[in-house]
Amino acid sequence: MAVPYYALLFGGALLLGAIVGPFERSGETAAESTPKRHPFSAAEIKTLAVLAATLALWLTDWLHRLSPAVPALIGGGTLLLPGVGALSWKTFEAKLS
């Protein structure tokens, strides 16, 4: 089942690339068009760390026998923790109903 799925993904990516075209402006390199900055902000690094921990819990469910929803709730709660999380409660409240 994986081979047809990957073939469809690859074909879709080629089609999307043909429709959209190149992502860089002609005549400019990416280094010239964007100012120098770190590749990830602090909030993005925190989010990636929480996602990695959540993924580790999902992949080791045979070891701890937690339902898949529990690591997702732990990760979501961690993203809202003050000082640790990437979202403040006010931002969370304003963007979600």
PDB file of N, CA and C in Angstrom:
ATOM      1  N   MET A   1       0.812  -1.199   0.000  1.00  0.00           N
ATOM      2  CA  MET A   1       0.000   0.000   0.000  1.00  0.00           C
ATOM      3  C   MET A   1       0.856   1.263   0.000  1.00  0.00           C
ATOM      4  N   ALA A   2       2.066   1.203   0.492  1.00  0.00           N
ATOM      5  CA  ALA A   2       2.870   2.410   0.613  1.00  0.00           C
ATOM      6  C   ALA A   2       3.364   2.914  -0.739  1.00  0.00           C
ATOM      7  N   VAL A   3       3.691   2.003  -1.657  1.00  0.00           N
ATOM      8  CA  VAL A   3       4.261   2.426  -2.936  1.00  0.00           C
ATOM      9  C   VAL A   3       3.280   3.279  -3.743  1.00  0.00           C
ATOM     10  N   PRO A   4       2.019   2.894  -3.903  1.00  0.00           N
ATOM     11  CA  PRO A   4       1.100   3.785  -4.628  1.00  0.00           C
ATOM     12  C   PRO A   4       0.886   5.121  -3.909  1.00  0.00           C
ATOM     13  N   TYR A   5       0.858   5.091  -2.603  1.00  0.00           N
ATOM     14  CA  TYR A   5       0.676   6.325  -1.833  1.00  0.00           C
ATOM     15  C   TYR A   5       1.862   7.269  -2.054  1.00  0.00           C
ATOM     16  N   TYR A   6       3.083   6.740  -1.978  1.00  0.00           N
ATOM     17  CA  TYR A   6       4.267   7.573  -2.214  1.00  0.00           C
ATOM     18  C   TYR A   6       4.321   8.059  -3.656  1.00  0.00           C
ATOM     19  N   ALA A   7       3.897   7.230  -4.591  1.00  0.00           N
ATOM     20  CA  ALA A   7       3.867   7.653  -5.987  1.00  0.00           C
ATOM     21  C   ALA A   7       2.888   8.811  -6.177  1.00  0.00           C
ATOM     22  N   LEU A   8       1.725   8.735  -5.540  1.00  0.00           N
ATOM     23  CA  LEU A   8       0.763   9.835  -5.624  1.00  0.00           C
ATOM     24  C   LEU A   8       1.309  11.107  -4.973  1.00  0.00           C
ATOM     25  N   LEU A   9       1.971  10.972  -3.833  1.00  0.00           N
ATOM     26  CA  LEU A   9       2.565  12.144  -3.175  1.00  0.00           C
ATOM     27  C   LEU A   9       3.641  12.783  -4.051  1.00  0.00           C
ATOM     28  N   PHE A  10       4.489  11.956  -4.636  1.00  0.00           N
ATOM     29  CA  PHE A  10       5.564  12.466  -5.486  1.00  0.00           C
ATOM     30  C   PHE A  10       4.988  13.133  -6.732  1.00  0.00           C
ATOM     31  N   GLY A  11       3.987  12.481  -7.347  1.00  0.00           N
ATOM     32  CA  GLY A  11       3.344  13.070  -8.522  1.00  0.00           C
ATOM     33  C   GLY A  11       2.649  14.381  -8.199  1.00  0.00           C
ATOM     34  N   GLY A  12       1.991  14.433  -7.050  1.00  0.00           N
ATOM     35  CA  GLY A  12       1.349  15.671  -6.628  1.00  0.00           C
ATOM     36  C   GLY A  12       2.352  16.782  -6.371  1.00  0.00           C
ATOM     37  N   ALA A  13       3.497  16.420  -5.801  1.00  0.00           N
ATOM     38  CA  ALA A  13       4.537  17.419  -5.555  1.00  0.00           C
ATOM     39  C   ALA A  13       5.088  17.960  -6.874  1.00  0.00           C
ATOM     40  N   LEU A  14       5.287  17.082  -7.846  1.00  0.00           N
ATOM     41  CA  LEU A  14       5.760  17.536  -9.153  1.00  0.00           C
ATOM     42  C   LEU A  14       4.734  18.441  -9.827  1.00  0.00           C
ATOM     43  N   LEU A  15       3.466  18.062  -9.754  1.00  0.00           N
ATOM     44  CA  LEU A  15       2.402  18.875 -10.338  1.00  0.00           C
ATOM     45  C   LEU A  15       2.321  20.240  -9.659  1.00  0.00           C
ATOM     46  N   LEU A  16       2.391  20.250  -8.334  1.00  0.00           N
ATOM     47  CA  LEU A  16       2.359  21.511  -7.594  1.00  0.00           C
ATOM     48  C   LEU A  16       3.564  22.379  -7.938  1.00  0.00           C
ATOM     49  N   GLY A  17       4.735  21.763  -8.066  1.00  0.00           N
ATOM     50  CA  GLY A  17       5.927  22.512  -8.450  1.00  0.00           C
ATOM     51  C   GLY A  17       5.809  23.094  -9.847  1.00  0.00           C
ATOM     52  N   ALA A  18       5.170  22.352 -10.753  1.00  0.00           N
ATOM     53  CA  ALA A  18       4.983  22.862 -12.108  1.00  0.00           C
ATOM     54  C   ALA A  18       3.977  24.013 -12.137  1.00  0.00           C
ATOM     55  N   ILE A  19       2.951  23.947 -11.311  1.00  0.00           N
ATOM     56  CA  ILE A  19       1.937  25.001 -11.275  1.00  0.00           C
ATOM     57  C   ILE A  19       2.475  26.262 -10.612  1.00  0.00           C
ATOM     58  N   VAL A  20       3.130  26.105  -9.461  1.00  0.00           N
ATOM     59  CA  VAL A  20       3.599  27.254  -8.678  1.00  0.00           C
ATOM     60  C   VAL A  20       4.862  27.853  -9.269  1.00  0.00           C
ATOM     61  N   GLY A  21       5.774  27.029  -9.734  1.00  0.00           N
ATOM     62  CA  GLY A  21       7.026  27.506 -10.281  1.00  0.00           C
ATOM     63  C   GLY A  21       8.096  27.575  -9.208  1.00  0.00           C
ATOM     64  N   PRO A  22       9.238  28.156  -9.553  1.00  0.00           N
ATOM     65  CA  PRO A  22      10.333  28.228  -8.572  1.00  0.00           C
ATOM     66  C   PRO A  22       9.986  29.169  -7.423  1.00  0.00           C
ATOM     67  N   PHE A  23      10.523  28.868  -6.265  1.00  0.00           N
ATOM     68  CA  PHE A  23      10.210  29.657  -5.077  1.00  0.00           C
ATOM     69  C   PHE A  23      11.120  30.866  -4.910  1.00  0.00           C
ATOM     70  N   GLU A  24      12.296  30.856  -5.516  1.00  0.00           N
ATOM     71  CA  GLU A  24      13.216  31.981  -5.380  1.00  0.00           C
ATOM     72  C   GLU A  24      13.007  32.943  -6.540  1.00  0.00           C
ATOM     73  N   ARG A  25      13.229  34.219  -6.263  1.00  0.00           N
ATOM     74  CA  ARG A  25      13.135  35.215  -7.318  1.00  0.00           C
ATOM     75  C   ARG A  25      14.328  35.055  -8.247  1.00  0.00           C
ATOM     76  N   SER A  26      14.112  35.299  -9.527  1.00  0.00           N
ATOM     77  CA  SER A  26      15.215  35.155 -10.477  1.00  0.00           C
ATOM     78  C   SER A  26      16.198  36.300 -10.285  1.00  0.00           C
ATOM     79  N   GLY A  27      17.471  35.986 -10.345  1.00  0.00           N
ATOM     80  CA  GLY A  27      18.504  37.001 -10.189  1.00  0.00           C
ATOM     81  C   GLY A  27      18.937  37.223  -8.754  1.00  0.00           C
ATOM     82  N   GLU A  28      18.182  36.768  -7.792  1.00  0.00           N
ATOM     83  CA  GLU A  28      18.536  36.922  -6.381  1.00  0.00           C
ATOM     84  C   GLU A  28      18.736  35.559  -5.755  1.00  0.00           C
ATOM     85  N   THR A  29      19.715  35.482  -4.906  1.00  0.00           N
ATOM     86  CA  THR A  29      19.858  34.253  -4.137  1.00  0.00           C
ATOM     87  C   THR A  29      19.077  34.421  -2.849  1.00  0.00           C
ATOM     88  N   ALA A  30      18.834  33.331  -2.174  1.00  0.00           N
ATOM     89  CA  ALA A  30      18.077  33.392  -0.920  1.00  0.00           C
ATOM     90  C   ALA A  30      18.815  34.202   0.134  1.00  0.00           C
ATOM     91  N   ALA A  31      20.141  34.148   0.123  1.00  0.00           N
ATOM     92  CA  ALA A  31      20.925  34.881   1.119  1.00  0.00           C
ATOM     93  C   ALA A  31      20.821  36.390   0.909  1.00  0.00           C
ATOM     94  N   GLU A  32      20.683  36.823  -0.343  1.00  0.00           N
ATOM     95  CA  GLU A  32      20.593  38.255  -0.618  1.00  0.00           C
ATOM     96  C   GLU A  32      19.202  38.811  -0.330  1.00  0.00           C
ATOM     97  N   SER A  33      18.153  38.000  -0.509  1.00  0.00           N
ATOM     98  CA  SER A  33      16.794  38.517  -0.379  1.00  0.00           C
ATOM     99  C   SER A  33      16.287  38.535   1.054  1.00  0.00           C
ATOM    100  N   THR A  34      16.850  37.725   1.937  1.00  0.00           N
ATOM    101  CA  THR A  34      16.385  37.697   3.322  1.00  0.00           C
ATOM    102  C   THR A  34      17.505  38.150   4.249  1.00  0.00           C
ATOM    103  N   PRO A  35      17.162  38.879   5.299  1.00  0.00           N
ATOM    104  CA  PRO A  35      18.196  39.276   6.252  1.00  0.00           C
ATOM    105  C   PRO A  35      18.687  38.064   7.044  1.00  0.00           C
ATOM    106  N   LYS A  36      19.906  38.170   7.523  1.00  0.00           N
ATOM    107  CA  LYS A  36      20.480  37.065   8.298  1.00  0.00           C
ATOM    108  C   LYS A  36      19.817  36.991   9.662  1.00  0.00           C
ATOM    109  N   ARG A  37      19.356  35.787  10.021  1.00  0.00           N
ATOM    110  CA  ARG A  37      18.776  35.556  11.324  1.00  0.00           C
ATOM    111  C   ARG A  37      18.911  34.082  11.639  1.00  0.00           C
ATOM    112  N   HIS A  38      18.602  33.734  12.857  1.00  0.00           N
ATOM    113  CA  HIS A  38      18.662  32.339  13.253  1.00  0.00           C
ATOM    114  C   HIS A  38      17.565  31.570  12.517  1.00  0.00           C
ATOM    115  N   PRO A  39      17.797  30.305  12.219  1.00  0.00           N
ATOM    116  CA  PRO A  39      16.781  29.567  11.479  1.00  0.00           C
ATOM    117  C   PRO A  39      15.484  29.354  12.254  1.00  0.00           C
ATOM    118  N   PHE A  40      15.551  29.269  13.581  1.00  0.00           N
ATOM    119  CA  PHE A  40      14.358  29.052  14.390  1.00  0.00           C
ATOM    120  C   PHE A  40      14.325  30.032  15.546  1.00  0.00           C
ATOM    121  N   SER A  41      13.121  30.498  15.868  1.00  0.00           N
ATOM    122  CA  SER A  41      12.956  31.355  17.043  1.00  0.00           C
ATOM    123  C   SER A  41      12.880  30.478  18.287  1.00  0.00           C
ATOM    124  N   ALA A  42      12.898  31.093  19.457  1.00  0.00           N
ATOM    125  CA  ALA A  42      12.846  30.338  20.713  1.00  0.00           C
ATOM    126  C   ALA A  42      11.524  29.582  20.837  1.00  0.00           C
ATOM    127  N   ALA A  43      10.415  30.210  20.423  1.00  0.00           N
ATOM    128  CA  ALA A  43       9.113  29.543  20.493  1.00  0.00           C
ATOM    129  C   ALA A  43       9.068  28.337  19.568  1.00  0.00           C
ATOM    130  N   GLU A  44       9.687  28.453  18.390  1.00  0.00           N
ATOM    131  CA  GLU A  44       9.713  27.324  17.466  1.00  0.00           C
ATOM    132  C   GLU A  44      10.551  26.175  18.002  1.00  0.00           C
ATOM    133  N   ILE A  45      11.649  26.483  18.650  1.00  0.00           N
ATOM    134  CA  ILE A  45      12.495  25.437  19.234  1.00  0.00           C
ATOM    135  C   ILE A  45      11.751  24.725  20.357  1.00  0.00           C
ATOM    136  N   LYS A  46      11.038  25.496  21.196  1.00  0.00           N
ATOM    137  CA  LYS A  46      10.239  24.880  22.266  1.00  0.00           C
ATOM    138  C   LYS A  46       9.151  23.978  21.693  1.00  0.00           C
ATOM    139  N   THR A  47       8.497  24.450  20.639  1.00  0.00           N
ATOM    140  CA  THR A  47       7.445  23.652  20.015  1.00  0.00           C
ATOM    141  C   THR A  47       8.012  22.371  19.417  1.00  0.00           C
ATOM    142  N   LEU A  48       9.166  22.457  18.758  1.00  0.00           N
ATOM    143  CA  LEU A  48       9.792  21.254  18.203  1.00  0.00           C
ATOM    144  C   LEU A  48      10.178  20.269  19.297  1.00  0.00           C
ATOM    145  N   ALA A  49      10.650  20.775  20.438  1.00  0.00           N
ATOM    146  CA  ALA A  49      11.016  19.887  21.547  1.00  0.00           C
ATOM    147  C   ALA A  49       9.779  19.182  22.106  1.00  0.00           C
ATOM    148  N   VAL A  50       8.674  19.915  22.249  1.00  0.00           N
ATOM    149  CA  VAL A  50       7.435  19.302  22.750  1.00  0.00           C
ATOM    150  C   VAL A  50       6.918  18.274  21.750  1.00  0.00           C
ATOM    151  N   LEU A  51       6.982  18.584  20.456  1.00  0.00           N
ATOM    152  CA  LEU A  51       6.550  17.627  19.441  1.00  0.00           C
ATOM    153  C   LEU A  51       7.424  16.374  19.439  1.00  0.00           C
ATOM    154  N   ALA A  52       8.723  16.542  19.640  1.00  0.00           N
ATOM    155  CA  ALA A  52       9.615  15.380  19.699  1.00  0.00           C
ATOM    156  C   ALA A  52       9.296  14.504  20.908  1.00  0.00           C
ATOM    157  N   ALA A  53       9.024  15.127  22.048  1.00  0.00           N
ATOM    158  CA  ALA A  53       8.676  14.354  23.241  1.00  0.00           C
ATOM    159  C   ALA A  53       7.334  13.638  23.058  1.00  0.00           C
ATOM    160  N   THR A  54       6.377  14.331  22.425  1.00  0.00           N
ATOM    161  CA  THR A  54       5.080  13.707  22.163  1.00  0.00           C
ATOM    162  C   THR A  54       5.237  12.536  21.203  1.00  0.00           C
ATOM    163  N   LEU A  55       6.044  12.710  20.191  1.00  0.00           N
ATOM    164  CA  LEU A  55       6.301  11.625  19.244  1.00  0.00           C
ATOM    165  C   LEU A  55       6.973  10.443  19.934  1.00  0.00           C
ATOM    166  N   ALA A  56       7.912  10.736  20.829  1.00  0.00           N
ATOM    167  CA  ALA A  56       8.575   9.654  21.570  1.00  0.00           C
ATOM    168  C   ALA A  56       7.567   8.880  22.419  1.00  0.00           C
ATOM    169  N   LEU A  57       6.636   9.579  23.030  1.00  0.00           N
ATOM    170  CA  LEU A  57       5.599   8.892  23.810  1.00  0.00           C
ATOM    171  C   LEU A  57       4.676   8.070  22.915  1.00  0.00           C
ATOM    172  N   TRP A  58       4.358   8.591  21.725  1.00  0.00           N
ATOM    173  CA  TRP A  58       3.513   7.831  20.802  1.00  0.00           C
ATOM    174  C   TRP A  58       4.216   6.569  20.321  1.00  0.00           C
ATOM    175  N   LEU A  59       5.517   6.686  20.051  1.00  0.00           N
ATOM    176  CA  LEU A  59       6.253   5.537  19.516  1.00  0.00           C
ATOM    177  C   LEU A  59       6.565   4.484  20.577  1.00  0.00           C
ATOM    178  N   THR A  60       6.500   4.865  21.839  1.00  0.00           N
ATOM    179  CA  THR A  60       6.788   3.906  22.907  1.00  0.00           C
ATOM    180  C   THR A  60       5.523   3.519  23.670  1.00  0.00           C
ATOM    181  N   ASP A  61       4.384   3.556  22.999  1.00  0.00           N
ATOM    182  CA  ASP A  61       3.144   3.212  23.688  1.00  0.00           C
ATOM    183  C   ASP A  61       3.122   1.752  24.126  1.00  0.00           C
ATOM    184  N   TRP A  62       3.883   0.890  23.474  1.00  0.00           N
ATOM    185  CA  TRP A  62       3.968  -0.510  23.895  1.00  0.00           C
ATOM    186  C   TRP A  62       4.635  -0.632  25.260  1.00  0.00           C
ATOM    187  N   LEU A  63       5.417   0.369  25.625  1.00  0.00           N
ATOM    188  CA  LEU A  63       6.148   0.332  26.887  1.00  0.00           C
ATOM    189  C   LEU A  63       5.296   0.850  28.051  1.00  0.00           C
ATOM    190  N   HIS A  64       4.615   1.966  27.852  1.00  0.00           N
ATOM    191  CA  HIS A  64       3.867   2.583  28.958  1.00  0.00           C
ATOM    192  C   HIS A  64       2.363   2.362  28.861  1.00  0.00           C
ATOM    193  N   ARG A  65       1.861   1.879  27.745  1.00  0.00           N
ATOM    194  CA  ARG A  65       0.449   1.524  27.560  1.00  0.00           C
ATOM    195  C   ARG A  65      -0.509   2.713  27.709  1.00  0.00           C
ATOM    196  N   LEU A  66      -0.046   3.920  27.402  1.00  0.00           N
ATOM    197  CA  LEU A  66      -0.927   5.084  27.433  1.00  0.00           C
ATOM    198  C   LEU A  66      -1.738   5.143  26.142  1.00  0.00           C
ATOM    199  N   SER A  67      -2.946   5.612  26.234  1.00  0.00           N
ATOM    200  CA  SER A  67      -3.763   5.841  25.050  1.00  0.00           C
ATOM    201  C   SER A  67      -3.094   6.928  24.203  1.00  0.00           C
ATOM    202  N   PRO A  68      -3.219   6.899  22.881  1.00  0.00           N
ATOM    203  CA  PRO A  68      -2.592   7.930  22.046  1.00  0.00           C
ATOM    204  C   PRO A  68      -3.066   9.351  22.358  1.00  0.00           C
ATOM    205  N   ALA A  69      -4.239   9.486  22.950  1.00  0.00           N
ATOM    206  CA  ALA A  69      -4.739  10.819  23.280  1.00  0.00           C
ATOM    207  C   ALA A  69      -4.000  11.428  24.462  1.00  0.00           C
ATOM    208  N   VAL A  70      -3.496  10.596  25.348  1.00  0.00           N
ATOM    209  CA  VAL A  70      -2.833  11.113  26.555  1.00  0.00           C
ATOM    210  C   VAL A  70      -1.546  11.866  26.210  1.00  0.00           C
ATOM    211  N   PRO A  71      -0.622  11.323  25.386  1.00  0.00           N
ATOM    212  CA  PRO A  71       0.552  12.123  25.009  1.00  0.00           C
ATOM    213  C   PRO A  71       0.188  13.406  24.264  1.00  0.00           C
ATOM    214  N   ALA A  72      -0.895  13.370  23.459  1.00  0.00           N
ATOM    215  CA  ALA A  72      -1.320  14.588  22.768  1.00  0.00           C
ATOM    216  C   ALA A  72      -1.784  15.643  23.766  1.00  0.00           C
ATOM    217  N   LEU A  73      -2.525  15.223  24.787  1.00  0.00           N
ATOM    218  CA  LEU A  73      -2.966  16.167  25.820  1.00  0.00           C
ATOM    219  C   LEU A  73      -1.791  16.686  26.638  1.00  0.00           C
ATOM    220  N   ILE A  74      -0.837  15.824  26.936  1.00  0.00           N
ATOM    221  CA  ILE A  74       0.356  16.258  27.671  1.00  0.00           C
ATOM    222  C   ILE A  74       1.130  17.287  26.851  1.00  0.00           C
ATOM    223  N   GLY A  75       1.302  17.020  25.550  1.00  0.00           N
ATOM    224  CA  GLY A  75       2.012  17.967  24.684  1.00  0.00           C
ATOM    225  C   GLY A  75       1.283  19.290  24.564  1.00  0.00           C
ATOM    226  N   GLY A  76      -0.038  19.229  24.389  1.00  0.00           N
ATOM    227  CA  GLY A  76      -0.817  20.463  24.300  1.00  0.00           C
ATOM    228  C   GLY A  76      -0.770  21.265  25.580  1.00  0.00           C
ATOM    229  N   GLY A  77      -0.833  20.574  26.714  1.00  0.00           N
ATOM    230  CA  GLY A  77      -0.729  21.271  27.998  1.00  0.00           C
ATOM    231  C   GLY A  77       0.650  21.868  28.214  1.00  0.00           C
ATOM    232  N   THR A  78       1.677  21.161  27.763  1.00  0.00           N
ATOM    233  CA  THR A  78       3.045  21.666  27.912  1.00  0.00           C
ATOM    234  C   THR A  78       3.251  22.935  27.099  1.00  0.00           C
ATOM    235  N   LEU A  79       2.632  23.014  25.930  1.00  0.00           N
ATOM    236  CA  LEU A  79       2.764  24.221  25.111  1.00  0.00           C
ATOM    237  C   LEU A  79       2.122  25.437  25.761  1.00  0.00           C
ATOM    238  N   LEU A  80       1.241  25.222  26.743  1.00  0.00           N
ATOM    239  CA  LEU A  80       0.571  26.334  27.420  1.00  0.00           C
ATOM    240  C   LEU A  80       1.173  26.650  28.791  1.00  0.00           C
ATOM    241  N   LEU A  81       2.153  25.865  29.238  1.00  0.00           N
ATOM    242  CA  LEU A  81       2.756  26.118  30.546  1.00  0.00           C
ATOM    243  C   LEU A  81       3.494  27.453  30.557  1.00  0.00           C
ATOM    244  N   PRO A  82       3.344  28.241  31.621  1.00  0.00           N
ATOM    245  CA  PRO A  82       4.077  29.511  31.683  1.00  0.00           C
ATOM    246  C   PRO A  82       5.575  29.266  31.802  1.00  0.00           C
ATOM    247  N   GLY A  83       6.340  29.975  31.000  1.00  0.00           N
ATOM    248  CA  GLY A  83       7.790  29.852  31.028  1.00  0.00           C
ATOM    249  C   GLY A  83       8.322  28.727  30.166  1.00  0.00           C
ATOM    250  N   VAL A  84       7.563  27.677  29.995  1.00  0.00           N
ATOM    251  CA  VAL A  84       8.009  26.543  29.199  1.00  0.00           C
ATOM    252  C   VAL A  84       7.366  26.568  27.826  1.00  0.00           C
ATOM    253  N   GLY A  85       6.090  26.838  27.785  1.00  0.00           N
ATOM    254  CA  GLY A  85       5.319  26.739  26.559  1.00  0.00           C
ATOM    255  C   GLY A  85       5.573  27.862  25.579  1.00  0.00           C
ATOM    256  N   ALA A  86       5.139  27.623  24.352  1.00  0.00           N
ATOM    257  CA  ALA A  86       5.323  28.602  23.290  1.00  0.00           C
ATOM    258  C   ALA A  86       4.133  29.547  23.164  1.00  0.00           C
ATOM    259  N   LEU A  87       3.009  29.203  23.783  1.00  0.00           N
ATOM    260  CA  LEU A  87       1.799  30.027  23.713  1.00  0.00           C
ATOM    261  C   LEU A  87       1.443  30.582  25.079  1.00  0.00           C
ATOM    262  N   SER A  88       0.987  31.811  25.083  1.00  0.00           N
ATOM    263  CA  SER A  88       0.434  32.338  26.325  1.00  0.00           C
ATOM    264  C   SER A  88      -1.055  32.008  26.358  1.00  0.00           C
ATOM    265  N   TRP A  89      -1.636  32.049  27.539  1.00  0.00           N
ATOM    266  CA  TRP A  89      -3.057  31.728  27.654  1.00  0.00           C
ATOM    267  C   TRP A  89      -3.894  32.745  26.889  1.00  0.00           C
ATOM    268  N   LYS A  90      -3.492  34.019  26.903  1.00  0.00           N
ATOM    269  CA  LYS A  90      -4.249  35.045  26.196  1.00  0.00           C
ATOM    270  C   LYS A  90      -4.250  34.788  24.681  1.00  0.00           C
ATOM    271  N   THR A  91      -3.118  34.391  24.129  1.00  0.00           N
ATOM    272  CA  THR A  91      -3.041  34.076  22.710  1.00  0.00           C
ATOM    273  C   THR A  91      -3.896  32.862  22.386  1.00  0.00           C
ATOM    274  N   PHE A  92      -3.821  31.853  23.230  1.00  0.00           N
ATOM    275  CA  PHE A  92      -4.612  30.639  23.046  1.00  0.00           C
ATOM    276  C   PHE A  92      -6.099  30.945  23.075  1.00  0.00           C
ATOM    277  N   GLU A  93      -6.492  31.779  24.057  1.00  0.00           N
ATOM    278  CA  GLU A  93      -7.899  32.138  24.219  1.00  0.00           C
ATOM    279  C   GLU A  93      -8.395  32.991  23.047  1.00  0.00           C
ATOM    280  N   ALA A  94      -7.543  33.870  22.537  1.00  0.00           N
ATOM    281  CA  ALA A  94      -7.962  34.760  21.473  1.00  0.00           C
ATOM    282  C   ALA A  94      -8.101  34.036  20.130  1.00  0.00           C
ATOM    283  N   LYS A  95      -7.285  33.033  19.890  1.00  0.00           N
ATOM    284  CA  LYS A  95      -7.283  32.378  18.581  1.00  0.00           C
ATOM    285  C   LYS A  95      -8.200  31.171  18.499  1.00  0.00           C
ATOM    286  N   LEU A  96      -8.577  30.595  19.626  1.00  0.00           N
ATOM    287  CA  LEU A  96      -9.454  29.420  19.619  1.00  0.00           C
ATOM    288  C   LEU A  96     -10.720  29.717  20.391  1.00  0.00           C
ATOM    289  N   SER A  97     -11.804  29.145  19.911  1.00  0.00           N
ATOM    290  CA  SER A  97     -13.074  29.380  20.610  1.00  0.00           C
ATOM    291  C   SER A  97     -13.218  28.424  21.777  1.00  0.00           C
TER     292      SER A  97
END
